[in-house]
Protein backbone atom coordinates (compact mmCIF):
# COMPACT_ATOMS: atom_id res chain seq x y z
CA GLN A 1 97.49 91.05 132.20
CA VAL A 2 96.27 93.07 128.51
CA GLN A 3 94.54 91.56 125.77
CA LEU A 4 93.80 92.36 122.37
CA LEU A 5 90.79 91.02 120.68
CA GLU A 6 90.71 92.03 116.90
CA SER A 7 87.67 91.54 114.89
CA GLY A 8 86.46 92.57 111.22
CA GLY A 9 88.91 90.80 108.62
CA ASN A 10 87.24 89.30 105.64
CA LEU A 11 87.44 88.53 101.91
CA VAL A 12 86.66 91.84 99.95
CA GLN A 13 86.70 92.67 96.11
CA ALA A 14 89.13 95.25 95.27
CA GLY A 15 87.35 98.81 95.58
CA GLY A 16 85.57 97.51 98.60
CA SER A 17 85.88 98.60 102.78
CA LEU A 18 86.14 96.94 105.52
CA ARG A 19 86.37 98.03 109.37
CA LEU A 20 88.95 96.64 111.43
CA SER A 21 87.94 96.67 115.54
CA CYS A 22 90.71 96.15 118.08
CA ALA A 23 89.24 96.39 121.96
CA ALA A 24 92.19 95.97 124.59
CA SER A 25 91.32 94.63 127.95
CA GLY A 26 92.70 93.59 131.79
CA SER A 27 94.64 95.76 134.25
CA ILE A 28 95.00 98.44 132.06
CA ILE A 29 95.63 102.10 133.66
CA THR A 30 96.50 104.28 130.21
CA ILE A 31 97.01 103.31 126.40
CA ASN A 32 99.72 105.66 125.38
CA VAL A 33 99.51 104.97 121.21
CA MET A 34 97.19 102.03 119.52
CA GLY A 35 97.84 100.84 115.79
CA TRP A 36 97.54 98.91 113.09
CA TYR A 37 100.22 96.68 111.79
CA ARG A 38 100.27 94.48 108.94
CA GLN A 39 102.15 91.49 107.05
CA ALA A 40 101.96 89.78 104.14
CA PRO A 41 103.21 86.65 103.05
CA GLY A 42 107.32 86.64 102.40
CA LYS A 43 106.93 90.52 103.76
CA GLN A 44 108.25 92.07 107.00
CA ARG A 45 105.62 93.67 109.50
CA GLU A 46 104.79 96.85 108.75
CA LEU A 47 103.22 100.11 110.58
CA VAL A 48 99.72 100.80 108.68
CA ALA A 49 98.59 103.62 110.93
CA SER A 50 98.79 104.83 114.66
CA ALA A 51 96.96 107.04 117.11
CA ILE A 52 98.31 108.68 119.93
CA LYS A 53 96.08 109.02 123.06
CA GLY A 54 96.12 113.11 122.55
CA GLY A 55 94.57 112.33 118.58
CA SER A 56 97.74 112.61 116.58
CA THR A 57 97.48 109.77 113.95
CA ASN A 58 100.26 108.69 111.66
CA TYR A 59 99.78 106.44 108.34
CA ALA A 60 101.95 104.92 105.94
CA ASP A 61 102.06 106.46 102.82
CA SER A 62 100.66 103.55 101.02
CA VAL A 63 97.26 103.94 102.96
CA LYS A 64 97.21 107.75 102.89
CA GLY A 65 93.93 109.04 101.66
CA ARG A 66 91.95 105.65 102.10
CA PHE A 67 92.38 104.57 105.41
CA THR A 68 91.02 106.13 108.72
CA ILE A 69 92.47 105.21 112.07
CA SER A 70 90.14 106.29 115.13
CA ARG A 71 90.18 105.60 119.13
CA ASP A 72 87.49 105.15 121.28
CA ASN A 73 89.37 105.93 124.82
CA ALA A 74 86.29 105.06 127.01
CA LYS A 75 86.52 102.00 125.28
CA ASN A 76 90.27 101.47 125.01
CA THR A 77 88.79 100.70 121.55
CA VAL A 78 90.81 101.24 118.02
CA TYR A 79 89.14 101.08 114.76
CA LEU A 80 90.58 100.99 111.34
CA GLN A 81 88.02 101.73 108.33
CA MET A 82 89.83 100.89 104.84
CA ASN A 83 88.48 101.99 101.74
CA SER A 84 89.28 101.44 98.29
CA LEU A 85 90.93 98.46 99.04
CA LYS A 86 93.48 97.27 96.60
CA PRO A 87 94.77 93.31 96.31
CA GLU A 88 98.22 94.46 97.69
CA ASP A 89 96.36 95.48 100.75
CA THR A 90 95.86 91.70 101.57
CA ALA A 91 97.72 90.73 104.53
CA VAL A 92 97.22 90.14 108.02
CA TYR A 93 96.24 92.95 110.38
CA TYR A 94 97.60 93.27 113.87
CA CYS A 95 96.69 95.44 116.68
CA ASN A 96 99.38 96.57 118.84
CA ALA A 97 99.15 98.70 121.80
CA ILE A 98 101.45 100.60 124.09
CA VAL A 99 100.39 100.26 127.71
CA LEU A 100 100.88 100.96 130.73
CA ALA A 101 99.19 98.42 133.08
CA ARG A 102 98.68 97.62 136.94
CA GLY A 103 101.39 95.39 138.08
CA THR A 104 103.89 96.42 135.61
CA LEU A 105 106.88 98.33 135.99
CA GLY A 106 106.26 100.66 133.18
CA VAL A 107 104.54 101.10 129.46
CA GLN A 108 105.21 97.80 127.45
CA GLY A 109 103.54 96.55 123.84
CA TYR A 110 101.13 94.45 123.19
CA TRP A 111 100.04 92.50 120.31
CA GLY A 112 96.37 91.13 119.16
CA GLN A 113 96.33 87.63 117.43
CA GLY A 114 95.56 89.31 113.89
CA THR A 115 93.05 89.07 111.77
CA GLN A 116 93.03 88.18 108.09
CA VAL A 117 92.39 90.99 105.16
CA THR A 118 92.16 89.48 101.80
CA VAL A 119 91.18 91.99 98.54
CA SER A 120 90.71 90.00 95.51
CA SER A 121 91.30 91.69 91.88
């Protein structure tokens, strides 16, 4: 009922920038939280940044000052601007949304398919 479509992953040199986008579609009533997670090979998936509908944001310590999350609520879209990228930022980045959708009993979490970010040294 809800789909998340990510884009923007790429190969970039250390110190470079990328912008990820995630658009939610489907029978959406409201999206409470939109966020980005990442998973590097051999590691657990971790929260990178999240944005609550009211405007509050949260960041992992490792990306504070380098990454910026933003939302366009009218478009049900979340962005992740990534600057000063480091090789350790290399991972598959997943979009996550906590959504109240039509035909469901309550809010549910949804995941995108993931987009690869590779930072070369």
